[in-house]
Protein backbone atom coordinates (compact mmCIF):
# COMPACT_ATOMS: atom_id res chain seq x y z
CA MET A 1 18.57 2.98 -25.92
CA SER A 2 16.81 1.43 -22.93
CA VAL A 3 13.08 1.77 -22.50
CA LEU A 4 13.41 3.43 -19.13
CA GLN A 5 16.08 3.51 -16.48
CA GLU A 6 15.39 0.56 -14.24
CA THR A 7 14.43 0.47 -10.61
CA THR A 8 13.78 -2.47 -8.28
CA ILE A 9 10.58 -2.88 -6.26
CA THR A 10 10.98 -4.91 -3.06
CA ARG A 11 7.63 -4.35 -1.35
CA ALA A 12 6.11 -7.63 -2.54
CA SER A 13 9.26 -9.49 -1.49
CA LYS A 14 9.03 -8.08 2.05
CA GLU A 15 5.41 -9.22 2.24
CA TRP A 16 6.37 -12.65 0.90
CA TRP A 17 9.08 -13.14 3.53
CA ARG A 18 6.97 -12.19 6.55
CA ARG A 19 3.60 -13.82 5.87
CA PRO A 20 2.77 -17.08 7.74
CA ASP A 21 0.71 -19.74 5.97
CA ASP A 22 -2.56 -18.71 7.60
CA GLU A 23 -2.26 -15.28 5.94
CA ARG A 24 -1.70 -16.72 2.44
CA TYR A 25 -4.52 -17.35 -0.04
CA LEU A 26 -4.46 -19.17 -3.37
CA THR A 27 -7.33 -17.42 -5.17
CA LEU A 28 -9.08 -14.07 -5.15
CA PRO A 29 -12.48 -15.65 -4.26
CA GLU A 30 -10.86 -17.37 -1.27
CA LEU A 31 -9.27 -14.10 -0.20
CA HIS A 32 -12.60 -12.31 -0.62
CA ARG A 33 -14.48 -14.86 1.51
CA ALA A 34 -11.97 -14.46 4.34
CA THR A 35 -12.03 -10.65 4.34
CA LEU A 36 -15.82 -10.48 3.97
CA GLU A 37 -16.36 -12.97 6.80
CA ARG A 38 -14.09 -10.90 9.01
CA LYS A 39 -16.10 -7.78 8.24
CA GLU A 40 -19.42 -9.55 8.89
CA GLN A 41 -18.14 -10.71 12.29
CA SER A 42 -17.14 -7.17 13.25
CA ARG A 43 -19.19 -4.37 14.78
CA VAL A 44 -18.30 -0.70 14.84
CA ALA A 45 -19.47 1.90 17.35
CA THR A 46 -18.56 5.55 17.81
CA THR A 47 -18.66 6.27 21.50
CA SER A 48 -17.44 8.47 24.32
CA THR A 49 -14.17 7.59 26.01
CA THR A 50 -16.07 7.50 29.32
CA ALA A 51 -18.11 4.53 28.03
CA LEU A 52 -14.98 2.43 27.62
CA ILE A 53 -13.46 1.03 30.82
CA ALA A 54 -10.24 -0.97 31.12
CA ARG A 55 -10.18 -3.86 33.58
CA GLY A 56 -7.19 -5.83 34.80
CA SER A 57 -6.75 -8.69 37.24
CA GLU A 58 -4.47 -8.60 40.27
CA GLU A 59 -2.44 -11.69 39.44
CA ALA A 60 0.63 -11.72 37.20
CA GLY A 61 -0.17 -12.69 33.64
CA GLY A 62 -3.89 -12.29 34.33
CA SER A 63 -6.54 -10.81 32.10
CA PHE A 64 -6.52 -7.28 30.69
CA HIS A 65 -9.60 -6.23 28.75
CA LEU A 66 -12.01 -3.41 28.01
CA GLU A 67 -15.72 -3.17 28.76
CA HIS A 68 -18.30 -1.24 26.77
CA ASP A 69 -22.04 -0.99 27.43
CA VAL A 70 -22.92 -1.88 23.81
CA LEU A 71 -19.94 -3.85 22.49
CA GLY A 72 -19.43 -5.86 25.68
CA THR A 73 -16.08 -7.29 26.78
CA LEU A 74 -13.17 -6.65 24.41
CA SER A 75 -9.78 -8.37 24.57
CA PRO A 76 -7.17 -6.20 22.79
CA THR A 77 -5.09 -7.74 20.03
CA HIS A 78 -1.39 -6.91 19.77
CA TRP A 79 -2.25 -4.24 17.18
CA SER A 80 -5.16 -2.66 19.04
CA THR A 81 -3.11 -2.62 22.26
CA GLY A 82 -0.72 -0.28 20.47
CA GLN A 83 -3.59 1.95 19.33
CA LEU A 84 -5.08 1.98 22.82
CA ALA A 85 -1.69 2.92 24.25
CA THR A 86 -1.32 5.83 21.83
CA LEU A 87 -4.80 7.20 22.56
CA SER A 88 -4.34 6.92 26.33
CA HIS A 89 -0.78 8.32 26.30
CA THR A 90 0.46 5.08 27.85
CA PRO A 91 3.55 3.25 26.47
CA ALA A 92 2.50 0.08 24.62
CA LYS A 93 5.66 -1.76 25.67
CA TRP A 94 4.94 -0.92 29.31
CA ILE A 95 1.34 -2.21 29.05
CA ARG A 96 2.56 -5.51 27.61
CA GLU A 97 5.44 -5.96 30.08
CA ILE A 98 3.66 -4.85 33.27
CA ALA A 99 1.07 -7.61 32.75
CA SER A 100 3.70 -10.20 33.70
CA VAL A 101 4.21 -8.90 37.27
CA PRO A 102 1.87 -9.17 40.29
CA ALA A 103 -1.03 -6.70 40.01
CA GLY A 104 0.42 -5.68 36.62
CA PRO A 105 -2.80 -5.98 34.57
CA ALA A 106 -4.65 -3.86 37.16
CA PHE A 107 -1.95 -1.17 37.03
CA ALA A 108 -2.13 -1.16 33.22
CA ALA A 109 -5.92 -0.79 33.31
CA HIS A 110 -5.71 2.11 35.77
CA ALA A 111 -3.16 3.94 33.60
CA VAL A 112 -5.26 3.44 30.45
CA ASN A 113 -8.43 4.68 32.17
CA LEU A 114 -6.69 7.84 33.36
CA GLY A 115 -5.34 8.52 29.87
CA LEU A 116 -8.68 7.96 28.14
CA ARG A 117 -10.51 10.29 30.52
CA TYR A 118 -8.07 13.12 30.99
CA LEU A 119 -5.49 13.09 28.19
CA LEU A 120 -7.42 12.11 25.06
CA LYS A 121 -8.77 14.77 22.70
CA PRO A 122 -11.25 14.53 21.06
CA GLU A 123 -13.31 12.67 23.63
CA ARG A 124 -15.07 10.45 21.11
CA ILE A 125 -13.56 7.34 19.57
CA GLN A 126 -14.48 4.68 17.04
CA VAL A 127 -14.25 1.09 18.28
CA MET A 128 -14.39 -2.13 16.25
CA ARG A 129 -15.27 -5.44 17.92
CA TRP A 130 -14.49 -8.77 16.27
CA GLU A 131 -16.39 -11.87 17.38
CA THR A 132 -13.90 -14.74 17.08
CA GLU A 133 -13.86 -18.17 18.72
CA GLY A 134 -16.70 -17.22 21.02
CA ARG A 135 -15.11 -14.09 22.46
CA GLY A 136 -14.93 -10.44 21.58
CA GLU A 137 -11.65 -8.95 20.41
CA LEU A 138 -10.85 -5.28 20.09
CA ARG A 139 -9.80 -5.09 16.43
CA CYS A 140 -9.10 -1.37 16.47
CA ILE A 141 -9.70 1.87 18.31
CA VAL A 142 -9.35 5.02 16.21
CA GLY A 143 -10.56 8.61 15.97
CA PRO A 144 -14.26 9.36 15.35
CA ASP A 145 -13.68 10.56 11.76
CA TYR A 146 -11.73 7.50 10.61
CA GLY A 147 -12.86 6.82 7.02
CA ARG A 148 -12.84 3.06 6.62
CA ILE A 149 -12.17 1.38 3.30
CA TYR A 150 -12.96 -2.26 4.04
CA ASP A 151 -10.47 -4.91 2.94
CA HIS A 152 -13.18 -6.98 1.23
CA GLN A 153 -14.12 -3.96 -0.90
CA VAL A 154 -10.56 -3.79 -2.21
CA VAL A 155 -10.60 -7.49 -3.09
CA GLU A 156 -13.99 -7.08 -4.79
CA ALA A 157 -12.63 -4.26 -6.95
CA VAL A 158 -9.77 -6.49 -8.12
CA ILE A 159 -12.12 -9.39 -8.84
CA ARG A 160 -14.38 -7.14 -10.95
CA VAL A 161 -11.55 -6.06 -13.23
CA ASN A 162 -10.21 -9.58 -13.64
CA ALA A 163 -13.23 -11.23 -15.21
CA ASP A 164 -11.11 -12.63 -18.06
CA GLY A 165 -8.48 -14.04 -15.68
CA ARG A 166 -5.69 -12.07 -17.31
CA TRP A 167 -4.19 -11.01 -13.99
CA HIS A 168 -2.65 -13.73 -11.86
CA VAL A 169 -0.01 -14.52 -9.24
CA PRO A 170 3.47 -14.22 -10.82
CA SER A 171 5.04 -17.58 -11.64
CA ALA A 172 7.72 -19.17 -9.45
CA SER A 173 9.90 -22.24 -9.89
CA TYR A 174 8.32 -23.94 -6.86
CA GLN A 175 4.71 -22.94 -7.62
CA ALA A 176 3.44 -26.43 -8.44
CA LYS A 177 4.98 -28.06 -5.37
CA ASN A 178 4.21 -25.28 -2.88
CA PRO A 179 1.51 -22.89 -4.16
CA LYS A 180 1.00 -21.30 -0.74
CA ARG A 181 4.61 -20.27 -0.64
CA ALA A 182 4.36 -18.86 -4.17
CA THR A 183 1.15 -16.91 -3.71
CA THR A 184 1.04 -13.11 -3.57
CA LEU A 185 -2.47 -12.83 -2.10
CA TYR A 186 -2.31 -12.03 1.61
CA ALA A 187 -4.62 -11.01 4.44
CA SER A 188 -4.25 -10.79 8.21
CA ASP A 189 -6.41 -9.41 11.01
CA ARG A 190 -5.00 -5.98 10.19
CA ASP A 191 -4.55 -5.76 6.40
CA VAL A 192 -4.81 -7.12 2.87
CA PHE A 193 -2.17 -7.17 0.11
CA ILE A 194 -2.49 -8.23 -3.54
CA PHE A 195 0.20 -8.43 -6.23
CA LEU A 196 -0.81 -9.59 -9.72
CA VAL A 197 0.80 -9.57 -13.16
CA ASP A 198 -0.10 -10.11 -16.82
CA GLU A 199 2.67 -12.43 -18.05
CA LYS A 200 0.87 -13.68 -21.15
CA ASN A 201 0.66 -10.32 -22.91
CA PRO A 202 4.14 -8.75 -23.08
CA VAL A 203 4.56 -5.22 -24.31
CA GLU A 204 7.07 -5.11 -27.17
CA VAL A 205 8.59 -1.67 -27.49
CA ARG A 206 11.01 -0.80 -30.30
CA ILE A 207 12.78 2.54 -30.14
CA ASP A 208 15.81 3.57 -32.17
CA GLY A 209 16.45 -0.02 -33.20
CA THR A 210 16.26 -1.48 -29.69
CA THR A 211 13.48 -3.92 -28.77
CA ARG A 212 12.46 -4.65 -25.20
CA PHE A 213 9.73 -6.92 -23.84
CA LEU A 214 7.99 -5.64 -20.72
CA PHE A 215 5.14 -6.96 -18.61
CA ARG A 216 2.48 -5.14 -16.62
CA GLY A 217 1.86 -5.58 -12.93
CA PHE A 218 0.07 -3.93 -10.04
CA MET A 219 -0.13 -4.05 -6.26
CA VAL A 220 -2.93 -2.95 -4.00
CA TRP A 221 -2.94 -2.88 -0.19
CA ASN A 222 -5.22 -1.68 2.57
CA SER A 223 -5.91 -1.80 6.29
CA GLU A 224 -9.42 -1.36 7.65
CA VAL A 225 -8.07 -1.07 11.21
CA GLY A 226 -5.61 1.80 10.74
CA HIS A 227 -2.38 -0.16 10.31
CA HIS A 228 -1.54 1.72 7.09
CA THR A 229 -3.10 3.71 4.27
CA PHE A 230 -4.74 2.36 1.13
CA GLY A 231 -2.27 2.07 -1.74
CA PHE A 232 -2.39 1.23 -5.45
CA MET A 233 0.80 0.86 -7.51
CA THR A 234 1.16 0.08 -11.22
CA PHE A 235 4.35 -0.58 -13.17
CA LEU A 236 6.03 -2.23 -16.13
CA TYR A 237 8.80 -4.72 -15.37
CA ASP A 238 11.33 -7.16 -16.82
CA HIS A 239 10.85 -10.11 -14.47
CA VAL A 240 9.78 -11.21 -10.99
CA CYS A 241 12.13 -13.58 -9.16
CA ASP A 242 11.14 -16.41 -6.83
CA ASN A 243 11.35 -14.20 -3.73
CA ARG A 244 8.93 -11.74 -5.39
CA THR A 245 11.46 -8.97 -6.01
CA ILE A 246 10.46 -7.02 -9.12
CA TRP A 247 13.41 -6.28 -11.41
CA GLY A 248 13.62 -3.68 -14.14
CA ALA A 249 10.51 -1.80 -13.01
CA ARG A 250 9.62 1.25 -15.09
CA GLU A 251 6.84 3.82 -15.21
CA VAL A 252 6.03 3.19 -11.54
CA ARG A 253 2.93 5.07 -10.44
CA GLU A 254 1.37 5.05 -7.00
CA LEU A 255 -1.79 6.40 -5.40
CA ARG A 256 -2.30 6.49 -1.63
CA ILE A 257 -5.43 7.38 0.30
CA LYS A 258 -5.34 8.11 4.01
CA HIS A 259 -8.30 6.86 6.00
CA THR A 260 -9.76 10.30 6.56
CA LYS A 261 -13.46 11.08 6.53
CA ASN A 262 -13.82 11.11 2.72
CA ALA A 263 -11.63 8.05 2.05
CA PRO A 264 -14.51 5.66 1.13
CA GLU A 265 -15.89 8.15 -1.39
CA ARG A 266 -12.43 8.70 -2.90
CA PHE A 267 -11.97 4.96 -3.26
CA GLU A 268 -15.20 4.63 -5.25
CA ARG A 269 -14.65 7.83 -7.25
CA GLU A 270 -10.95 7.54 -8.07
CA VAL A 271 -9.49 4.12 -7.39
CA ALA A 272 -12.13 1.80 -8.80
CA PRO A 273 -12.19 3.55 -12.23
CA MET A 274 -8.38 3.82 -12.27
CA LEU A 275 -7.99 0.11 -11.53
CA GLN A 276 -10.56 -0.70 -14.22
CA ALA A 277 -8.79 1.44 -16.81
CA TYR A 278 -5.37 -0.02 -16.03
CA ALA A 279 -6.58 -3.61 -16.02
CA GLU A 280 -8.43 -3.25 -19.32
CA ALA A 281 -5.80 -1.24 -21.20
CA SER A 282 -4.57 -3.15 -24.22
CA VAL A 283 -0.96 -3.98 -24.90
CA VAL A 284 -1.19 -1.77 -27.99
CA ASP A 285 -2.24 1.21 -25.84
CA VAL A 286 0.73 0.76 -23.53
CA LYS A 287 3.17 0.28 -26.40
CA GLU A 288 1.95 3.35 -28.25
CA GLY A 289 2.14 5.46 -25.11
CA LEU A 290 5.77 4.52 -24.49
CA GLU A 291 6.79 5.10 -28.08
CA ARG A 292 4.99 8.46 -28.10
CA ALA A 293 7.08 9.49 -25.12
CA ALA A 294 10.23 8.64 -27.06
CA ARG A 295 9.15 10.90 -29.94
CA LYS A 296 7.57 13.77 -27.98
CA LYS A 297 9.90 16.78 -28.20
CA VAL A 298 9.29 19.36 -25.47
CA GLY A 299 11.69 22.08 -26.61
CA SER A 300 14.39 23.02 -29.09
CA SER A 301 16.77 24.57 -26.51
CA ASP A 302 17.82 24.04 -22.91
CA GLU A 303 15.83 27.14 -21.96
CA ASP A 304 12.67 25.69 -23.55
CA VAL A 305 13.15 22.36 -21.79
CA LEU A 306 13.82 24.01 -18.44
CA SER A 307 10.66 26.07 -18.85
CA PHE A 308 8.73 22.86 -19.58
CA LEU A 309 10.06 21.21 -16.43
CA ARG A 310 9.30 24.28 -14.31
CA LYS A 311 5.69 24.15 -15.53
CA HIS A 312 5.53 20.59 -14.25
CA ASP A 313 6.57 21.54 -10.71
CA PHE A 314 10.32 20.90 -10.90
CA THR A 315 12.60 23.52 -9.41
CA LYS A 316 15.22 25.26 -11.55
CA ARG A 317 17.95 23.24 -9.85
CA GLU A 318 16.08 19.97 -10.37
CA GLY A 319 15.41 20.82 -14.01
CA GLU A 320 19.05 21.58 -14.71
CA LYS A 321 20.17 18.35 -13.05
CA ILE A 322 17.59 16.31 -14.98
CA MET A 323 18.83 17.76 -18.27
CA GLU A 324 22.44 17.14 -17.30
CA MET A 325 21.75 13.49 -16.49
CA ALA A 326 19.62 13.04 -19.62
CA LYS A 327 22.52 14.18 -21.77
CA GLN A 328 24.85 11.78 -20.00
CA GLU A 329 22.46 8.83 -20.13
CA GLU A 330 20.71 9.38 -23.46
CA GLY A 331 22.88 11.81 -25.38
CA GLY A 332 20.17 14.48 -25.38
CA ALA A 333 17.57 16.31 -23.31
CA ARG A 334 14.80 17.24 -25.71
CA THR A 335 12.16 14.47 -25.56
CA VAL A 336 9.95 13.28 -22.72
CA TRP A 337 11.73 9.93 -22.90
CA GLU A 338 15.16 11.44 -22.46
CA LEU A 339 14.00 13.58 -19.55
CA VAL A 340 12.36 10.64 -17.76
CA ASN A 341 15.55 8.62 -18.12
CA GLY A 342 17.60 11.58 -16.93
CA GLY A 343 15.35 12.14 -13.94
CA THR A 344 15.46 8.47 -13.00
CA ALA A 345 19.27 8.53 -13.19
CA MET A 346 19.23 11.60 -10.97
CA ALA A 347 17.03 9.76 -8.45
CA ARG A 348 19.58 6.95 -8.14
CA SER A 349 21.98 9.37 -6.47
CA ILE A 350 19.52 10.07 -3.62
CA PRO A 351 20.53 7.98 -0.55
CA HIS A 352 17.13 7.89 1.17
CA ALA A 353 14.70 5.42 -0.42
CA ASP A 354 11.54 7.42 0.32
CA GLU A 355 12.89 10.59 -1.31
CA ARG A 356 14.27 8.59 -4.23
CA VAL A 357 10.90 6.95 -4.92
CA LYS A 358 9.09 10.30 -4.68
CA LEU A 359 11.34 11.79 -7.35
CA GLU A 360 10.98 8.72 -9.58
CA LYS A 361 7.20 9.04 -9.42
CA ARG A 362 7.31 12.76 -10.22
CA VAL A 363 9.56 12.13 -13.17
CA SER A 364 7.47 9.20 -14.44
CA SER A 365 4.39 11.46 -14.42
CA LEU A 366 5.93 13.30 -17.39
CA LEU A 367 5.00 10.27 -19.51
CA ARG A 368 1.39 11.46 -19.32
CA VAL A 369 2.38 14.55 -21.27
CA ALA A 370 3.17 12.36 -24.25
């Protein structure tokens, strides 16, 4: 009997492939210094769209920038150009391409100004300026109620729960020769991403005569400029390969927080304690929880089990399919363990990754019942 039906997590691998060296950090303190410095060099103002004016030169390839009476001159980054285009109802690709033709930057500025004044609702926006290399950059332009979780706050939360150094970058065969390539601590002008594991404290789980050794890991990501939501994922796994693909992942749980008005409060209220609890949980706690799930019987008949699943927000059709797959995979559909394995097997038949992951998370939540 396997501990849980396996899944593969590729998010860290995708980050690993795309990050240039200047976005890679070797230690959490180094990552924290970079994100904190970026925050300290940034200024945020909530203002009227009429206070923001786009300017563009007449020559091809000339300057395109914004002017604000408080924040001064702002040169858009590639990311903030996209945000500006969305808010002004102007195609981002057009803004970038028109700048290469005569009078192009001026045309782009005129289009943006029209959009900001007549097409944007609400008429107030939140602007972030970044002072870098002696000039002001527009880091982001978002709605007035954008609830910012700062990247450095996320790094600080991870540092706090890792006082004993238990959590570290997963090992790689080339780590000694090229630590920057091996690292899983990343930050750019638009986000931060952290992937850490506890490889020194394996979880040994023995169920029905089968012993498996699992390790714990977590990822956390955030964007203080609106590139994506805050996310926190925890999981057990078999191993992490050199390209940072996570194999044999089980009990995958994920929390996301959109950057709405109450996002900072939710981060402090929910995420920080959750991260603390996960990081400090002992191997014994994890082992006992998994073995409890294997023993926890939820019903003595199919009708009882279906009723249990319905109470946990599964439809009748989903419940019947989960039981069917549990019987095929595990030889029974009476315990939490069998149902989780059955539900995970059911998820493998879903072609779309997003829907598959959603079902896997819903099914894994049954482990809390144990």
